[in-house]
Amino acid sequence: MSHARSEYEDFKKIAPDVYDLVLALGQLAAKAGLDKQLIELVKLRASQINGCAFCVQHHVLLSERIGVPVDKLHLVAVWREAPIFSPRERAALAWAEALTVLPDGVSEDVYAEAAREFSETELMYLTSAVASINVWNRFGAAFRWTPAPRPVAANAAAS
């Protein structure tokens, strides 16, 4: 079993300027008007690929809070085989995967699909969201940040 080398809170204390910049980069896509649920699906998928347990848990919990359907959260790892995802979500997930696994590059097909679903501006901001989660994943995976526990629901705590 692996152990944390440092934690998320340590990052904020040790390198607050880096933390603030990475946080700001991650917020730009939503500020530019991209759908927050779509952004969370992309961040979750990149985090799965990168093996960042902290970020996977963080984006699952955040996705649930903003109303991403649970079925999508369960199926995002196999989105190509799951018809629940819209063409726009599929294009975003393919884009995220191509940018996360760069040795494979971004194929003309993936670019064309993304360009069909997103304006030039949207695609730039979607790329910033993918870039930001990949930065977070590098920190979370390198330092083995401990995933946050799922909050106990009020009605579950009463039973």
C-alpha atoms as a PDB file:
ATOM      1  CA  MET A   1       0.000   0.000   0.000  1.00  0.00           C
ATOM      2  CA  SER A   2       1.329   3.410  -0.877  1.00  0.00           C
ATOM      3  CA  HIS A   3       1.495   6.238   1.579  1.00  0.00           C
ATOM      4  CA  ALA A   4       1.220   9.969   1.087  1.00  0.00           C
ATOM      5  CA  ARG A   5       4.524  11.730   0.605  1.00  0.00           C
ATOM      6  CA  SER A   6       2.828  15.028   1.372  1.00  0.00           C
ATOM      7  CA  GLU A   7      -0.765  16.197   1.198  1.00  0.00           C
ATOM      8  CA  TYR A   8      -2.843  18.674  -0.776  1.00  0.00           C
ATOM      9  CA  GLU A   9      -2.864  21.096   2.159  1.00  0.00           C
ATOM     10  CA  ASP A  10       0.949  20.947   2.244  1.00  0.00           C
ATOM     11  CA  PHE A  11       1.058  22.100  -1.381  1.00  0.00           C
ATOM     12  CA  LYS A  12      -0.996  25.195  -0.500  1.00  0.00           C
ATOM     13  CA  LYS A  13       1.392  26.007   2.369  1.00  0.00           C
ATOM     14  CA  ILE A  14       4.720  25.169   0.730  1.00  0.00           C
ATOM     15  CA  ALA A  15       4.144  26.685  -2.722  1.00  0.00           C
ATOM     16  CA  PRO A  16       1.155  29.050  -2.482  1.00  0.00           C
ATOM     17  CA  ASP A  17       2.123  30.937  -5.641  1.00  0.00           C
ATOM     18  CA  VAL A  18       2.185  27.726  -7.713  1.00  0.00           C
ATOM     19  CA  TYR A  19      -1.049  26.578  -6.086  1.00  0.00           C
ATOM     20  CA  ASP A  20      -2.772  29.876  -6.934  1.00  0.00           C
ATOM     21  CA  LEU A  21      -1.633  29.758 -10.569  1.00  0.00           C
ATOM     22  CA  VAL A  22      -2.739  26.157 -11.111  1.00  0.00           C
ATOM     23  CA  LEU A  23      -6.062  26.891  -9.406  1.00  0.00           C
ATOM     24  CA  ALA A  24      -6.607  29.977 -11.592  1.00  0.00           C
ATOM     25  CA  LEU A  25      -5.822  28.032 -14.776  1.00  0.00           C
ATOM     26  CA  GLY A  26      -8.374  25.407 -13.796  1.00  0.00           C
ATOM     27  CA  GLN A  27     -11.116  28.013 -13.356  1.00  0.00           C
ATOM     28  CA  LEU A  28     -10.730  29.737 -16.734  1.00  0.00           C
ATOM     29  CA  ALA A  29     -12.798  27.302 -18.814  1.00  0.00           C
ATOM     30  CA  ALA A  30     -15.874  27.715 -16.599  1.00  0.00           C
ATOM     31  CA  LYS A  31     -15.394  31.500 -16.512  1.00  0.00           C
ATOM     32  CA  ALA A  32     -15.312  31.431 -20.317  1.00  0.00           C
ATOM     33  CA  GLY A  33     -18.739  29.749 -20.307  1.00  0.00           C
ATOM     34  CA  LEU A  34     -17.980  26.072 -20.851  1.00  0.00           C
ATOM     35  CA  ASP A  35     -20.457  23.790 -19.128  1.00  0.00           C
ATOM     36  CA  LYS A  36     -19.229  22.889 -15.645  1.00  0.00           C
ATOM     37  CA  GLN A  37     -20.522  19.314 -15.868  1.00  0.00           C
ATOM     38  CA  LEU A  38     -18.628  18.790 -19.113  1.00  0.00           C
ATOM     39  CA  ILE A  39     -15.455  20.210 -17.558  1.00  0.00           C
ATOM     40  CA  GLU A  40     -15.786  17.830 -14.601  1.00  0.00           C
ATOM     41  CA  LEU A  41     -16.175  14.802 -16.876  1.00  0.00           C
ATOM     42  CA  VAL A  42     -13.004  15.819 -18.701  1.00  0.00           C
ATOM     43  CA  LYS A  43     -11.095  16.352 -15.449  1.00  0.00           C
ATOM     44  CA  LEU A  44     -12.300  13.030 -14.093  1.00  0.00           C
ATOM     45  CA  ARG A  45     -11.232  11.171 -17.238  1.00  0.00           C
ATOM     46  CA  ALA A  46      -7.753  12.729 -17.288  1.00  0.00           C
ATOM     47  CA  SER A  47      -7.346  11.935 -13.582  1.00  0.00           C
ATOM     48  CA  GLN A  48      -8.285   8.299 -14.211  1.00  0.00           C
ATOM     49  CA  ILE A  49      -5.703   8.044 -16.991  1.00  0.00           C
ATOM     50  CA  ASN A  50      -3.023   9.648 -14.821  1.00  0.00           C
ATOM     51  CA  GLY A  51      -3.781   7.445 -11.815  1.00  0.00           C
ATOM     52  CA  CYS A  52      -4.348  10.334  -9.414  1.00  0.00           C
ATOM     53  CA  ALA A  53      -6.618   8.900  -6.708  1.00  0.00           C
ATOM     54  CA  PHE A  54      -6.982  12.270  -4.961  1.00  0.00           C
ATOM     55  CA  CYS A  55      -8.147  14.006  -8.160  1.00  0.00           C
ATOM     56  CA  VAL A  56     -10.463  11.148  -9.178  1.00  0.00           C
ATOM     57  CA  GLN A  57     -12.210  11.316  -5.808  1.00  0.00           C
ATOM     58  CA  HIS A  58     -12.258  15.130  -5.819  1.00  0.00           C
ATOM     59  CA  HIS A  59     -13.874  15.307  -9.260  1.00  0.00           C
ATOM     60  CA  VAL A  60     -16.361  12.508  -8.524  1.00  0.00           C
ATOM     61  CA  LEU A  61     -17.537  14.351  -5.405  1.00  0.00           C
ATOM     62  CA  LEU A  62     -17.607  17.726  -7.156  1.00  0.00           C
ATOM     63  CA  SER A  63     -19.472  16.227 -10.132  1.00  0.00           C
ATOM     64  CA  GLU A  64     -22.099  14.778  -7.817  1.00  0.00           C
ATOM     65  CA  ARG A  65     -22.541  18.183  -6.121  1.00  0.00           C
ATOM     66  CA  ILE A  66     -23.147  19.952  -9.431  1.00  0.00           C
ATOM     67  CA  GLY A  67     -25.592  17.332 -10.679  1.00  0.00           C
ATOM     68  CA  VAL A  68     -23.633  15.156 -13.092  1.00  0.00           C
ATOM     69  CA  PRO A  69     -25.729  11.989 -13.467  1.00  0.00           C
ATOM     70  CA  VAL A  70     -24.273   9.098 -11.482  1.00  0.00           C
ATOM     71  CA  ASP A  71     -24.489   6.835 -14.539  1.00  0.00           C
ATOM     72  CA  LYS A  72     -22.072   9.122 -16.377  1.00  0.00           C
ATOM     73  CA  LEU A  73     -19.639   9.071 -13.472  1.00  0.00           C
ATOM     74  CA  HIS A  74     -19.708   5.276 -13.432  1.00  0.00           C
ATOM     75  CA  LEU A  75     -19.208   5.036 -17.185  1.00  0.00           C
ATOM     76  CA  VAL A  76     -16.716   7.819 -17.931  1.00  0.00           C
ATOM     77  CA  ALA A  77     -13.816   5.338 -17.967  1.00  0.00           C
ATOM     78  CA  VAL A  78     -15.557   3.460 -20.798  1.00  0.00           C
ATOM     79  CA  TRP A  79     -17.288   6.402 -22.452  1.00  0.00           C
ATOM     80  CA  ARG A  80     -16.720   5.068 -25.991  1.00  0.00           C
ATOM     81  CA  GLU A  81     -18.903   2.042 -25.218  1.00  0.00           C
ATOM     82  CA  ALA A  82     -21.593   3.970 -23.307  1.00  0.00           C
ATOM     83  CA  PRO A  83     -24.324   5.675 -25.376  1.00  0.00           C
ATOM     84  CA  ILE A  84     -25.209   7.972 -22.449  1.00  0.00           C
ATOM     85  CA  PHE A  85     -22.645  10.590 -23.565  1.00  0.00           C
ATOM     86  CA  SER A  86     -23.617  13.324 -26.026  1.00  0.00           C
ATOM     87  CA  PRO A  87     -21.562  14.035 -29.168  1.00  0.00           C
ATOM     88  CA  ARG A  88     -20.170  17.151 -27.440  1.00  0.00           C
ATOM     89  CA  GLU A  89     -19.147  15.138 -24.348  1.00  0.00           C
ATOM     90  CA  ARG A  90     -17.587  12.473 -26.569  1.00  0.00           C
ATOM     91  CA  ALA A  91     -15.574  15.090 -28.436  1.00  0.00           C
ATOM     92  CA  ALA A  92     -14.426  16.642 -25.141  1.00  0.00           C
ATOM     93  CA  LEU A  93     -13.453  13.269 -23.660  1.00  0.00           C
ATOM     94  CA  ALA A  94     -11.545  12.272 -26.804  1.00  0.00           C
ATOM     95  CA  TRP A  95      -9.771  15.656 -26.743  1.00  0.00           C
ATOM     96  CA  ALA A  96      -8.890  15.222 -23.068  1.00  0.00           C
ATOM     97  CA  GLU A  97      -7.504  11.738 -23.652  1.00  0.00           C
ATOM     98  CA  ALA A  98      -5.417  12.877 -26.644  1.00  0.00           C
ATOM     99  CA  LEU A  99      -3.930  15.768 -24.656  1.00  0.00           C
ATOM    100  CA  THR A 100      -3.323  13.610 -21.585  1.00  0.00           C
ATOM    101  CA  VAL A 101      -1.559  10.808 -23.459  1.00  0.00           C
ATOM    102  CA  LEU A 102       0.624  13.043 -25.635  1.00  0.00           C
ATOM    103  CA  PRO A 103       2.964  10.386 -27.049  1.00  0.00           C
ATOM    104  CA  ASP A 104      -0.054   9.334 -29.118  1.00  0.00           C
ATOM    105  CA  GLY A 105      -0.543  12.931 -30.237  1.00  0.00           C
ATOM    106  CA  VAL A 106      -3.782  14.525 -31.334  1.00  0.00           C
ATOM    107  CA  SER A 107      -5.019  12.860 -34.494  1.00  0.00           C
ATOM    108  CA  GLU A 108      -6.745  14.728 -37.290  1.00  0.00           C
ATOM    109  CA  ASP A 109      -9.934  12.782 -36.501  1.00  0.00           C
ATOM    110  CA  VAL A 110      -9.939  13.811 -32.840  1.00  0.00           C
ATOM    111  CA  TYR A 111      -9.213  17.430 -33.765  1.00  0.00           C
ATOM    112  CA  ALA A 112     -11.962  17.453 -36.426  1.00  0.00           C
ATOM    113  CA  GLU A 113     -14.493  15.997 -33.972  1.00  0.00           C
ATOM    114  CA  ALA A 114     -13.573  18.578 -31.326  1.00  0.00           C
ATOM    115  CA  ALA A 115     -13.656  21.422 -33.863  1.00  0.00           C
ATOM    116  CA  ARG A 116     -17.169  20.336 -34.951  1.00  0.00           C
ATOM    117  CA  GLU A 117     -18.477  20.453 -31.382  1.00  0.00           C
ATOM    118  CA  PHE A 118     -16.583  23.463 -29.991  1.00  0.00           C
ATOM    119  CA  SER A 119     -15.886  26.944 -31.290  1.00  0.00           C
ATOM    120  CA  GLU A 120     -12.250  27.980 -31.643  1.00  0.00           C
ATOM    121  CA  THR A 121     -12.497  29.892 -28.349  1.00  0.00           C
ATOM    122  CA  GLU A 122     -14.245  27.047 -26.543  1.00  0.00           C
ATOM    123  CA  LEU A 123     -11.599  24.598 -27.720  1.00  0.00           C
ATOM    124  CA  MET A 124      -8.826  26.835 -26.386  1.00  0.00           C
ATOM    125  CA  TYR A 125     -10.538  26.991 -22.982  1.00  0.00           C
ATOM    126  CA  LEU A 126     -11.304  23.273 -23.003  1.00  0.00           C
ATOM    127  CA  THR A 127      -7.597  22.745 -23.637  1.00  0.00           C
ATOM    128  CA  SER A 128      -6.806  24.962 -20.642  1.00  0.00           C
ATOM    129  CA  ALA A 129      -9.055  22.766 -18.466  1.00  0.00           C
ATOM    130  CA  VAL A 130      -7.269  19.623 -19.664  1.00  0.00           C
ATOM    131  CA  ALA A 131      -3.879  21.262 -19.120  1.00  0.00           C
ATOM    132  CA  SER A 132      -4.829  22.316 -15.614  1.00  0.00           C
ATOM    133  CA  ILE A 133      -6.056  18.898 -14.503  1.00  0.00           C
ATOM    134  CA  ASN A 134      -2.910  17.316 -15.894  1.00  0.00           C
ATOM    135  CA  VAL A 135      -0.864  19.716 -13.749  1.00  0.00           C
ATOM    136  CA  TRP A 136      -2.952  18.847 -10.668  1.00  0.00           C
ATOM    137  CA  ASN A 137      -2.538  15.139 -11.461  1.00  0.00           C
ATOM    138  CA  ARG A 138       1.239  15.522 -11.567  1.00  0.00           C
ATOM    139  CA  PHE A 139       1.240  16.903  -8.038  1.00  0.00           C
ATOM    140  CA  GLY A 140      -1.389  14.503  -6.664  1.00  0.00           C
ATOM    141  CA  ALA A 141       0.195  11.395  -8.157  1.00  0.00           C
ATOM    142  CA  ALA A 142       3.794  12.418  -7.370  1.00  0.00           C
ATOM    143  CA  PHE A 143       3.051  13.143  -3.732  1.00  0.00           C
ATOM    144  CA  ARG A 144       0.318  10.471  -3.395  1.00  0.00           C
ATOM    145  CA  TRP A 145      -2.233  12.837  -1.926  1.00  0.00           C
ATOM    146  CA  THR A 146      -4.824  11.024   0.148  1.00  0.00           C
ATOM    147  CA  PRO A 147      -8.290  11.090  -1.429  1.00  0.00           C
ATOM    148  CA  ALA A 148     -10.882  12.925   0.634  1.00  0.00           C
ATOM    149  CA  PRO A 149     -13.475  10.692   2.289  1.00  0.00           C
ATOM    150  CA  ARG A 150     -17.025  10.824   0.992  1.00  0.00           C
ATOM    151  CA  PRO A 151     -19.116  13.073   3.232  1.00  0.00           C
ATOM    152  CA  VAL A 152     -21.664  11.144   5.268  1.00  0.00           C
ATOM    153  CA  ALA A 153     -25.197  12.032   4.213  1.00  0.00           C
ATOM    154  CA  ALA A 154     -27.402  13.385   7.003  1.00  0.00           C
ATOM    155  CA  ASN A 155     -29.990  10.614   6.610  1.00  0.00           C
ATOM    156  CA  ALA A 156     -27.290   7.888   6.472  1.00  0.00           C
ATOM    157  CA  ALA A 157     -25.721   9.216   9.679  1.00  0.00           C
ATOM    158  CA  ALA A 158     -29.068   8.978  11.445  1.00  0.00           C
ATOM    159  CA  SER A 159     -29.510   5.255  10.674  1.00  0.00           C
END
